[in-house]
Amino acid sequence: MTIPLKDLSSSEVTCSNCRACCCRLEVMLITDTGVPERHIARDRWGGETMRRLDDGWCSALDRDTFLCTIYENRPWICREFEMGSDECLDERAEML
């Protein structure tokens, strides 16, 4: 029996089943954490976001492992987005 993602409790979300759902969200860069330039997109007003590729995934996501390639320098908002939080579970449910 497969448990739908939206029914997973926060204790059941792990690095091995995460699926990097949050890596499809728009991430504004509001503090300097050392994100490499190649992963930064700028709008015409100078606002900075994490660059996303044509398929919508963050450019810093390793597609084979679904791990962040810049984890130590990830943006503040990525640091605050807690695995298993209500926001996390909502994003996982959207991917169904």
PDB file of N, CA and C in Angstrom:
ATOM      1  N   MET A   1       0.840  -1.180   0.000  1.00  0.00           N
ATOM      2  CA  MET A   1       0.000   0.000   0.000  1.00  0.00           C
ATOM      3  C   MET A   1       0.887   1.245   0.000  1.00  0.00           C
ATOM      4  N   THR A   2       0.627   2.165  -0.897  1.00  0.00           N
ATOM      5  CA  THR A   2       1.382   3.401  -0.989  1.00  0.00           C
ATOM      6  C   THR A   2       0.653   4.491  -0.228  1.00  0.00           C
ATOM      7  N   ILE A   3       1.392   5.235   0.604  1.00  0.00           N
ATOM      8  CA  ILE A   3       0.820   6.345   1.355  1.00  0.00           C
ATOM      9  C   ILE A   3       0.932   7.598   0.507  1.00  0.00           C
ATOM     10  N   PRO A   4      -0.187   8.279   0.247  1.00  0.00           N
ATOM     11  CA  PRO A   4      -0.101   9.524  -0.520  1.00  0.00           C
ATOM     12  C   PRO A   4       0.806  10.516   0.190  1.00  0.00           C
ATOM     13  N   LEU A   5       1.558  11.304  -0.595  1.00  0.00           N
ATOM     14  CA  LEU A   5       2.478  12.271  -0.013  1.00  0.00           C
ATOM     15  C   LEU A   5       1.783  13.215   0.951  1.00  0.00           C
ATOM     16  N   LYS A   6       0.553  13.631   0.629  1.00  0.00           N
ATOM     17  CA  LYS A   6      -0.130  14.589   1.493  1.00  0.00           C
ATOM     18  C   LYS A   6      -0.485  13.999   2.847  1.00  0.00           C
ATOM     19  N   ASP A   7      -0.467  12.661   2.984  1.00  0.00           N
ATOM     20  CA  ASP A   7      -0.783  12.015   4.248  1.00  0.00           C
ATOM     21  C   ASP A   7       0.449  11.689   5.077  1.00  0.00           C
ATOM     22  N   LEU A   8       1.633  12.012   4.574  1.00  0.00           N
ATOM     23  CA  LEU A   8       2.850  11.752   5.335  1.00  0.00           C
ATOM     24  C   LEU A   8       2.964  12.741   6.481  1.00  0.00           C
ATOM     25  N   SER A   9       3.266  12.273   7.666  1.00  0.00           N
ATOM     26  CA  SER A   9       3.514  13.188   8.774  1.00  0.00           C
ATOM     27  C   SER A   9       4.933  13.711   8.662  1.00  0.00           C
ATOM     28  N   SER A  10       5.231  14.763   9.421  1.00  0.00           N
ATOM     29  CA  SER A  10       6.558  15.349   9.351  1.00  0.00           C
ATOM     30  C   SER A  10       7.637  14.359   9.751  1.00  0.00           C
ATOM     31  N   SER A  11       7.319  13.384  10.593  1.00  0.00           N
ATOM     32  CA  SER A  11       8.327  12.413  11.010  1.00  0.00           C
ATOM     33  C   SER A  11       8.637  11.413   9.901  1.00  0.00           C
ATOM     34  N   GLU A  12       7.784  11.353   8.870  1.00  0.00           N
ATOM     35  CA  GLU A  12       8.008  10.411   7.789  1.00  0.00           C
ATOM     36  C   GLU A  12       8.747  11.027   6.603  1.00  0.00           C
ATOM     37  N   VAL A  13       8.967  12.330   6.617  1.00  0.00           N
ATOM     38  CA  VAL A  13       9.699  12.989   5.548  1.00  0.00           C
ATOM     39  C   VAL A  13      11.182  12.930   5.912  1.00  0.00           C
ATOM     40  N   THR A  14      11.961  12.308   5.034  1.00  0.00           N
ATOM     41  CA  THR A  14      13.393  12.162   5.273  1.00  0.00           C
ATOM     42  C   THR A  14      14.165  12.583   4.031  1.00  0.00           C
ATOM     43  N   CYS A  15      15.465  12.672   4.158  1.00  0.00           N
ATOM     44  CA  CYS A  15      16.292  13.011   3.003  1.00  0.00           C
ATOM     45  C   CYS A  15      16.133  11.984   1.883  1.00  0.00           C
ATOM     46  N   SER A  16      15.838  10.744   2.232  1.00  0.00           N
ATOM     47  CA  SER A  16      15.728   9.703   1.209  1.00  0.00           C
ATOM     48  C   SER A  16      14.395   9.731   0.464  1.00  0.00           C
ATOM     49  N   ASN A  17      13.370  10.402   1.009  1.00  0.00           N
ATOM     50  CA  ASN A  17      12.092  10.443   0.303  1.00  0.00           C
ATOM     51  C   ASN A  17      11.607  11.873   0.054  1.00  0.00           C
ATOM     52  N   CYS A  18      12.461  12.838   0.233  1.00  0.00           N
ATOM     53  CA  CYS A  18      12.104  14.256   0.149  1.00  0.00           C
ATOM     54  C   CYS A  18      11.580  14.659  -1.233  1.00  0.00           C
ATOM     55  N   ARG A  19      12.246  14.243  -2.277  1.00  0.00           N
ATOM     56  CA  ARG A  19      11.885  14.562  -3.660  1.00  0.00           C
ATOM     57  C   ARG A  19      12.110  16.019  -4.032  1.00  0.00           C
ATOM     58  N   ALA A  20      12.757  16.793  -3.154  1.00  0.00           N
ATOM     59  CA  ALA A  20      13.165  18.176  -3.436  1.00  0.00           C
ATOM     60  C   ALA A  20      12.039  19.054  -3.968  1.00  0.00           C
ATOM     61  N   CYS A  21      10.847  18.876  -3.457  1.00  0.00           N
ATOM     62  CA  CYS A  21       9.695  19.661  -3.909  1.00  0.00           C
ATOM     63  C   CYS A  21       9.932  21.157  -3.791  1.00  0.00           C
ATOM     64  N   CYS A  22      10.619  21.570  -2.740  1.00  0.00           N
ATOM     65  CA  CYS A  22      10.858  22.999  -2.534  1.00  0.00           C
ATOM     66  C   CYS A  22      11.799  23.577  -3.584  1.00  0.00           C
ATOM     67  N   CYS A  23      12.525  22.740  -4.281  1.00  0.00           N
ATOM     68  CA  CYS A  23      13.476  23.214  -5.287  1.00  0.00           C
ATOM     69  C   CYS A  23      12.794  23.661  -6.570  1.00  0.00           C
ATOM     70  N   ARG A  24      11.482  23.675  -6.575  1.00  0.00           N
ATOM     71  CA  ARG A  24      10.724  24.204  -7.704  1.00  0.00           C
ATOM     72  C   ARG A  24      10.100  25.552  -7.367  1.00  0.00           C
ATOM     73  N   LEU A  25      10.282  26.002  -6.126  1.00  0.00           N
ATOM     74  CA  LEU A  25       9.724  27.278  -5.697  1.00  0.00           C
ATOM     75  C   LEU A  25      10.637  28.435  -6.081  1.00  0.00           C
ATOM     76  N   GLU A  26      10.065  29.618  -6.254  1.00  0.00           N
ATOM     77  CA  GLU A  26      10.883  30.800  -6.488  1.00  0.00           C
ATOM     78  C   GLU A  26      11.538  31.202  -5.174  1.00  0.00           C
ATOM     79  N   VAL A  27      12.842  31.387  -5.196  1.00  0.00           N
ATOM     80  CA  VAL A  27      13.600  31.721  -3.992  1.00  0.00           C
ATOM     81  C   VAL A  27      14.259  33.079  -4.185  1.00  0.00           C
ATOM     82  N   MET A  28      13.775  34.056  -3.435  1.00  0.00           N
ATOM     83  CA  MET A  28      14.384  35.388  -3.470  1.00  0.00           C
ATOM     84  C   MET A  28      15.632  35.390  -2.608  1.00  0.00           C
ATOM     85  N   LEU A  29      16.652  36.046  -3.092  1.00  0.00           N
ATOM     86  CA  LEU A  29      17.888  36.180  -2.339  1.00  0.00           C
ATOM     87  C   LEU A  29      17.834  37.506  -1.588  1.00  0.00           C
ATOM     88  N   ILE A  30      17.708  37.422  -0.264  1.00  0.00           N
ATOM     89  CA  ILE A  30      17.567  38.638   0.537  1.00  0.00           C
ATOM     90  C   ILE A  30      18.747  38.858   1.479  1.00  0.00           C
ATOM     91  N   THR A  31      19.619  37.877   1.564  1.00  0.00           N
ATOM     92  CA  THR A  31      20.848  38.016   2.347  1.00  0.00           C
ATOM     93  C   THR A  31      21.986  37.412   1.540  1.00  0.00           C
ATOM     94  N   ASP A  32      23.192  37.771   1.873  1.00  0.00           N
ATOM     95  CA  ASP A  32      24.348  37.236   1.172  1.00  0.00           C
ATOM     96  C   ASP A  32      24.855  35.993   1.894  1.00  0.00           C
ATOM     97  N   THR A  33      24.658  34.843   1.270  1.00  0.00           N
ATOM     98  CA  THR A  33      25.148  33.590   1.853  1.00  0.00           C
ATOM     99  C   THR A  33      26.266  32.991   1.014  1.00  0.00           C
ATOM    100  N   GLY A  34      26.621  33.674  -0.070  1.00  0.00           N
ATOM    101  CA  GLY A  34      27.690  33.180  -0.924  1.00  0.00           C
ATOM    102  C   GLY A  34      27.212  32.334  -2.085  1.00  0.00           C
ATOM    103  N   VAL A  35      25.952  32.500  -2.487  1.00  0.00           N
ATOM    104  CA  VAL A  35      25.435  31.763  -3.643  1.00  0.00           C
ATOM    105  C   VAL A  35      26.283  32.120  -4.855  1.00  0.00           C
ATOM    106  N   PRO A  36      26.829  31.128  -5.557  1.00  0.00           N
ATOM    107  CA  PRO A  36      27.639  31.414  -6.746  1.00  0.00           C
ATOM    108  C   PRO A  36      26.838  32.151  -7.824  1.00  0.00           C
ATOM    109  N   GLU A  37      27.483  33.066  -8.512  1.00  0.00           N
ATOM    110  CA  GLU A  37      26.841  33.889  -9.548  1.00  0.00           C
ATOM    111  C   GLU A  37      26.069  33.066 -10.573  1.00  0.00           C
ATOM    112  N   ARG A  38      26.590  31.900 -10.940  1.00  0.00           N
ATOM    113  CA  ARG A  38      25.937  31.101 -11.986  1.00  0.00           C
ATOM    114  C   ARG A  38      24.541  30.618 -11.578  1.00  0.00           C
ATOM    115  N   HIS A  39      24.217  30.723 -10.293  1.00  0.00           N
ATOM    116  CA  HIS A  39      22.911  30.292  -9.797  1.00  0.00           C
ATOM    117  C   HIS A  39      21.991  31.466  -9.469  1.00  0.00           C
ATOM    118  N   ILE A  40      22.396  32.675  -9.838  1.00  0.00           N
ATOM    119  CA  ILE A  40      21.604  33.867  -9.522  1.00  0.00           C
ATOM    120  C   ILE A  40      20.973  34.440 -10.784  1.00  0.00           C
ATOM    121  N   ALA A  41      19.676  34.710 -10.703  1.00  0.00           N
ATOM    122  CA  ALA A  41      18.952  35.396 -11.779  1.00  0.00           C
ATOM    123  C   ALA A  41      18.595  36.783 -11.263  1.00  0.00           C
ATOM    124  N   ARG A  42      18.717  37.798 -12.127  1.00  0.00           N
ATOM    125  CA  ARG A  42      18.381  39.165 -11.743  1.00  0.00           C
ATOM    126  C   ARG A  42      17.279  39.697 -12.648  1.00  0.00           C
ATOM    127  N   ASP A  43      16.314  40.379 -12.021  1.00  0.00           N
ATOM    128  CA  ASP A  43      15.271  40.997 -12.836  1.00  0.00           C
ATOM    129  C   ASP A  43      15.700  42.414 -13.225  1.00  0.00           C
ATOM    130  N   ARG A  44      14.893  43.092 -13.990  1.00  0.00           N
ATOM    131  CA  ARG A  44      15.291  44.406 -14.509  1.00  0.00           C
ATOM    132  C   ARG A  44      15.380  45.480 -13.428  1.00  0.00           C
ATOM    133  N   TRP A  45      14.856  45.198 -12.245  1.00  0.00           N
ATOM    134  CA  TRP A  45      14.941  46.143 -11.128  1.00  0.00           C
ATOM    135  C   TRP A  45      16.078  45.804 -10.177  1.00  0.00           C
ATOM    136  N   GLY A  46      16.833  44.748 -10.477  1.00  0.00           N
ATOM    137  CA  GLY A  46      17.961  44.369  -9.639  1.00  0.00           C
ATOM    138  C   GLY A  46      17.641  43.323  -8.584  1.00  0.00           C
ATOM    139  N   GLY A  47      16.383  42.867  -8.550  1.00  0.00           N
ATOM    140  CA  GLY A  47      16.010  41.815  -7.609  1.00  0.00           C
ATOM    141  C   GLY A  47      16.700  40.509  -7.974  1.00  0.00           C
ATOM    142  N   GLU A  48      17.116  39.766  -6.967  1.00  0.00           N
ATOM    143  CA  GLU A  48      17.828  38.512  -7.210  1.00  0.00           C
ATOM    144  C   GLU A  48      17.027  37.316  -6.714  1.00  0.00           C
ATOM    145  N   THR A  49      17.016  36.272  -7.531  1.00  0.00           N
ATOM    146  CA  THR A  49      16.397  35.007  -7.176  1.00  0.00           C
ATOM    147  C   THR A  49      17.347  33.882  -7.562  1.00  0.00           C
ATOM    148  N   MET A  50      17.096  32.723  -7.027  1.00  0.00           N
ATOM    149  CA  MET A  50      17.838  31.550  -7.484  1.00  0.00           C
ATOM    150  C   MET A  50      17.413  31.277  -8.918  1.00  0.00           C
ATOM    151  N   ARG A  51      18.383  31.006  -9.768  1.00  0.00           N
ATOM    152  CA  ARG A  51      18.103  30.708 -11.172  1.00  0.00           C
ATOM    153  C   ARG A  51      17.417  29.361 -11.272  1.00  0.00           C
ATOM    154  N   ARG A  52      16.384  29.315 -12.076  1.00  0.00           N
ATOM    155  CA  ARG A  52      15.708  28.056 -12.337  1.00  0.00           C
ATOM    156  C   ARG A  52      15.885  27.713 -13.811  1.00  0.00           C
ATOM    157  N   LEU A  53      16.005  26.445 -14.090  1.00  0.00           N
ATOM    158  CA  LEU A  53      16.194  25.985 -15.459  1.00  0.00           C
ATOM    159  C   LEU A  53      14.853  25.933 -16.172  1.00  0.00           C
ATOM    160  N   ASP A  54      14.863  25.680 -17.452  1.00  0.00           N
ATOM    161  CA  ASP A  54      13.648  25.696 -18.261  1.00  0.00           C
ATOM    162  C   ASP A  54      12.551  24.782 -17.730  1.00  0.00           C
ATOM    163  N   ASP A  55      12.934  23.708 -17.045  1.00  0.00           N
ATOM    164  CA  ASP A  55      11.933  22.789 -16.520  1.00  0.00           C
ATOM    165  C   ASP A  55      11.400  23.207 -15.145  1.00  0.00           C
ATOM    166  N   GLY A  56      11.882  24.343 -14.621  1.00  0.00           N
ATOM    167  CA  GLY A  56      11.380  24.862 -13.352  1.00  0.00           C
ATOM    168  C   GLY A  56      12.193  24.503 -12.123  1.00  0.00           C
ATOM    169  N   TRP A  57      13.138  23.581 -12.245  1.00  0.00           N
ATOM    170  CA  TRP A  57      13.946  23.171 -11.101  1.00  0.00           C
ATOM    171  C   TRP A  57      15.078  24.162 -10.861  1.00  0.00           C
ATOM    172  N   CYS A  58      15.459  24.324  -9.597  1.00  0.00           N
ATOM    173  CA  CYS A  58      16.574  25.184  -9.206  1.00  0.00           C
ATOM    174  C   CYS A  58      17.853  24.711  -9.895  1.00  0.00           C
ATOM    175  N   SER A  59      18.650  25.658 -10.354  1.00  0.00           N
ATOM    176  CA  SER A  59      19.881  25.299 -11.057  1.00  0.00           C
ATOM    177  C   SER A  59      20.925  24.669 -10.138  1.00  0.00           C
ATOM    178  N   ALA A  60      20.767  24.815  -8.825  1.00  0.00           N
ATOM    179  CA  ALA A  60      21.736  24.246  -7.882  1.00  0.00           C
ATOM    180  C   ALA A  60      21.383  22.818  -7.465  1.00  0.00           C
ATOM    181  N   LEU A  61      20.290  22.294  -7.970  1.00  0.00           N
ATOM    182  CA  LEU A  61      19.862  20.938  -7.606  1.00  0.00           C
ATOM    183  C   LEU A  61      20.570  19.896  -8.468  1.00  0.00           C
ATOM    184  N   ASP A  62      21.211  18.944  -7.831  1.00  0.00           N
ATOM    185  CA  ASP A  62      21.815  17.818  -8.554  1.00  0.00           C
ATOM    186  C   ASP A  62      20.674  16.886  -8.941  1.00  0.00           C
ATOM    187  N   ARG A  63      20.471  16.707 -10.233  1.00  0.00           N
ATOM    188  CA  ARG A  63      19.331  15.930 -10.725  1.00  0.00           C
ATOM    189  C   ARG A  63      19.458  14.433 -10.449  1.00  0.00           C
ATOM    190  N   ASP A  64      20.656  13.947 -10.230  1.00  0.00           N
ATOM    191  CA  ASP A  64      20.833  12.516  -9.955  1.00  0.00           C
ATOM    192  C   ASP A  64      20.555  12.164  -8.498  1.00  0.00           C
ATOM    193  N   THR A  65      20.958  13.052  -7.592  1.00  0.00           N
ATOM    194  CA  THR A  65      20.818  12.755  -6.166  1.00  0.00           C
ATOM    195  C   THR A  65      19.687  13.535  -5.495  1.00  0.00           C
ATOM    196  N   PHE A  66      19.179  14.560  -6.167  1.00  0.00           N
ATOM    197  CA  PHE A  66      18.201  15.493  -5.603  1.00  0.00           C
ATOM    198  C   PHE A  66      18.730  16.161  -4.339  1.00  0.00           C
ATOM    199  N   LEU A  67      20.038  16.403  -4.311  1.00  0.00           N
ATOM    200  CA  LEU A  67      20.672  17.134  -3.220  1.00  0.00           C
ATOM    201  C   LEU A  67      21.147  18.488  -3.743  1.00  0.00           C
ATOM    202  N   CYS A  68      21.242  19.450  -2.841  1.00  0.00           N
ATOM    203  CA  CYS A  68      21.695  20.786  -3.196  1.00  0.00           C
ATOM    204  C   CYS A  68      23.202  20.781  -3.387  1.00  0.00           C
ATOM    205  N   THR A  69      23.658  21.319  -4.515  1.00  0.00           N
ATOM    206  CA  THR A  69      25.085  21.355  -4.790  1.00  0.00           C
ATOM    207  C   THR A  69      25.786  22.521  -4.098  1.00  0.00           C
ATOM    208  N   ILE A  70      25.004  23.440  -3.527  1.00  0.00           N
ATOM    209  CA  ILE A  70      25.586  24.588  -2.822  1.00  0.00           C
ATOM    210  C   ILE A  70      25.062  24.642  -1.389  1.00  0.00           C
ATOM    211  N   TYR A  71      24.828  23.507  -0.799  1.00  0.00           N
ATOM    212  CA  TYR A  71      24.174  23.417   0.511  1.00  0.00           C
ATOM    213  C   TYR A  71      24.779  24.355   1.551  1.00  0.00           C
ATOM    214  N   GLU A  72      26.081  24.425   1.641  1.00  0.00           N
ATOM    215  CA  GLU A  72      26.734  25.296   2.638  1.00  0.00           C
ATOM    216  C   GLU A  72      26.524  26.777   2.327  1.00  0.00           C
ATOM    217  N   ASN A  73      26.186  27.102   1.075  1.00  0.00           N
ATOM    218  CA  ASN A  73      25.976  28.489   0.665  1.00  0.00           C
ATOM    219  C   ASN A  73      24.539  28.729   0.195  1.00  0.00           C
ATOM    220  N   ARG A  74      23.641  27.854   0.586  1.00  0.00           N
ATOM    221  CA  ARG A  74      22.248  27.992   0.147  1.00  0.00           C
ATOM    222  C   ARG A  74      21.628  29.270   0.719  1.00  0.00           C
ATOM    223  N   PRO A  75      20.617  29.808   0.037  1.00  0.00           N
ATOM    224  CA  PRO A  75      19.970  31.039   0.495  1.00  0.00           C
ATOM    225  C   PRO A  75      19.306  30.872   1.866  1.00  0.00           C
ATOM    226  N   TRP A  76      19.101  32.014   2.511  1.00  0.00           N
ATOM    227  CA  TRP A  76      18.485  32.042   3.830  1.00  0.00           C
ATOM    228  C   TRP A  76      17.128  31.344   3.824  1.00  0.00           C
ATOM    229  N   ILE A  77      16.311  31.626   2.822  1.00  0.00           N
ATOM    230  CA  ILE A  77      14.972  31.045   2.797  1.00  0.00           C
ATOM    231  C   ILE A  77      15.020  29.513   2.679  1.00  0.00           C
ATOM    232  N   CYS A  78      16.032  29.002   1.997  1.00  0.00           N
ATOM    233  CA  CYS A  78      16.199  27.548   1.914  1.00  0.00           C
ATOM    234  C   CYS A  78      16.581  26.971   3.280  1.00  0.00           C
ATOM    235  N   ARG A  79      17.344  27.732   4.029  1.00  0.00           N
ATOM    236  CA  ARG A  79      17.736  27.304   5.381  1.00  0.00           C
ATOM    237  C   ARG A  79      16.529  27.271   6.312  1.00  0.00           C
ATOM    238  N   GLU A  80      15.576  28.172   6.080  1.00  0.00           N
ATOM    239  CA  GLU A  80      14.404  28.293   6.939  1.00  0.00           C
ATOM    240  C   GLU A  80      13.266  27.353   6.549  1.00  0.00           C
ATOM    241  N   PHE A  81      13.280  26.842   5.328  1.00  0.00           N
ATOM    242  CA  PHE A  81      12.220  25.957   4.846  1.00  0.00           C
ATOM    243  C   PHE A  81      12.463  24.577   5.452  1.00  0.00           C
ATOM    244  N   GLU A  82      11.733  24.268   6.484  1.00  0.00           N
ATOM    245  CA  GLU A  82      11.982  23.063   7.269  1.00  0.00           C
ATOM    246  C   GLU A  82      11.348  21.812   6.656  1.00  0.00           C
ATOM    247  N   MET A  83      12.165  20.789   6.491  1.00  0.00           N
ATOM    248  CA  MET A  83      11.664  19.523   5.975  1.00  0.00           C
ATOM    249  C   MET A  83      10.603  18.979   6.924  1.00  0.00           C
ATOM    250  N   GLY A  84       9.438  18.644   6.372  1.00  0.00           N
ATOM    251  CA  GLY A  84       8.348  18.097   7.165  1.00  0.00           C
ATOM    252  C   GLY A  84       7.418  19.142   7.748  1.00  0.00           C
ATOM    253  N   SER A  85       7.720  20.427   7.516  1.00  0.00           N
ATOM    254  CA  SER A  85       6.843  21.494   8.008  1.00  0.00           C
ATOM    255  C   SER A  85       5.537  21.494   7.207  1.00  0.00           C
ATOM    256  N   ASP A  86       4.566  22.274   7.667  1.00  0.00           N
ATOM    257  CA  ASP A  86       3.300  22.370   6.939  1.00  0.00           C
ATOM    258  C   ASP A  86       3.529  22.838   5.505  1.00  0.00           C
ATOM    259  N   GLU A  87       4.437  23.814   5.328  1.00  0.00           N
ATOM    260  CA  GLU A  87       4.731  24.318   3.984  1.00  0.00           C
ATOM    261  C   GLU A  87       5.332  23.220   3.111  1.00  0.00           C
ATOM    262  N   CYS A  88       6.228  22.449   3.684  1.00  0.00           N
ATOM    263  CA  CYS A  88       6.852  21.336   2.973  1.00  0.00           C
ATOM    264  C   CYS A  88       5.788  20.323   2.537  1.00  0.00           C
ATOM    265  N   LEU A  89       4.933  19.939   3.476  1.00  0.00           N
ATOM    266  CA  LEU A  89       3.902  18.952   3.161  1.00  0.00           C
ATOM    267  C   LEU A  89       2.925  19.475   2.118  1.00  0.00           C
ATOM    268  N   ASP A  90       2.628  20.779   2.161  1.00  0.00           N
ATOM    269  CA  ASP A  90       1.748  21.374   1.146  1.00  0.00           C
ATOM    270  C   ASP A  90       2.387  21.281  -0.237  1.00  0.00           C
ATOM    271  N   GLU A  91       3.681  21.591  -0.347  1.00  0.00           N
ATOM    272  CA  GLU A  91       4.369  21.513  -1.635  1.00  0.00           C
ATOM    273  C   GLU A  91       4.425  20.079  -2.146  1.00  0.00           C
ATOM    274  N   ARG A  92       4.659  19.136  -1.247  1.00  0.00           N
ATOM    275  CA  ARG A  92       4.691  17.711  -1.637  1.00  0.00           C
ATOM    276  C   ARG A  92       3.333  17.292  -2.185  1.00  0.00           C
ATOM    277  N   ALA A  93       2.269  17.735  -1.541  1.00  0.00           N
ATOM    278  CA  ALA A  93       0.914  17.390  -1.980  1.00  0.00           C
ATOM    279  C   ALA A  93       0.626  17.963  -3.361  1.00  0.00           C
ATOM    280  N   GLU A  94       1.158  19.161  -3.658  1.00  0.00           N
ATOM    281  CA  GLU A  94       0.963  19.788  -4.970  1.00  0.00           C
ATOM    282  C   GLU A  94       1.612  18.987  -6.093  1.00  0.00           C
ATOM    283  N   MET A  95       2.643  18.221  -5.788  1.00  0.00           N
ATOM    284  CA  MET A  95       3.355  17.460  -6.818  1.00  0.00           C
ATOM    285  C   MET A  95       2.647  16.168  -7.205  1.00  0.00           C
ATOM    286  N   LEU A  96       1.594  15.832  -6.493  1.00  0.00           N
ATOM    287  CA  LEU A  96       0.852  14.605  -6.835  1.00  0.00           C
ATOM    288  C   LEU A  96       0.116  14.716  -8.137  1.00  0.00           C
TER     289      LEU A  96
END
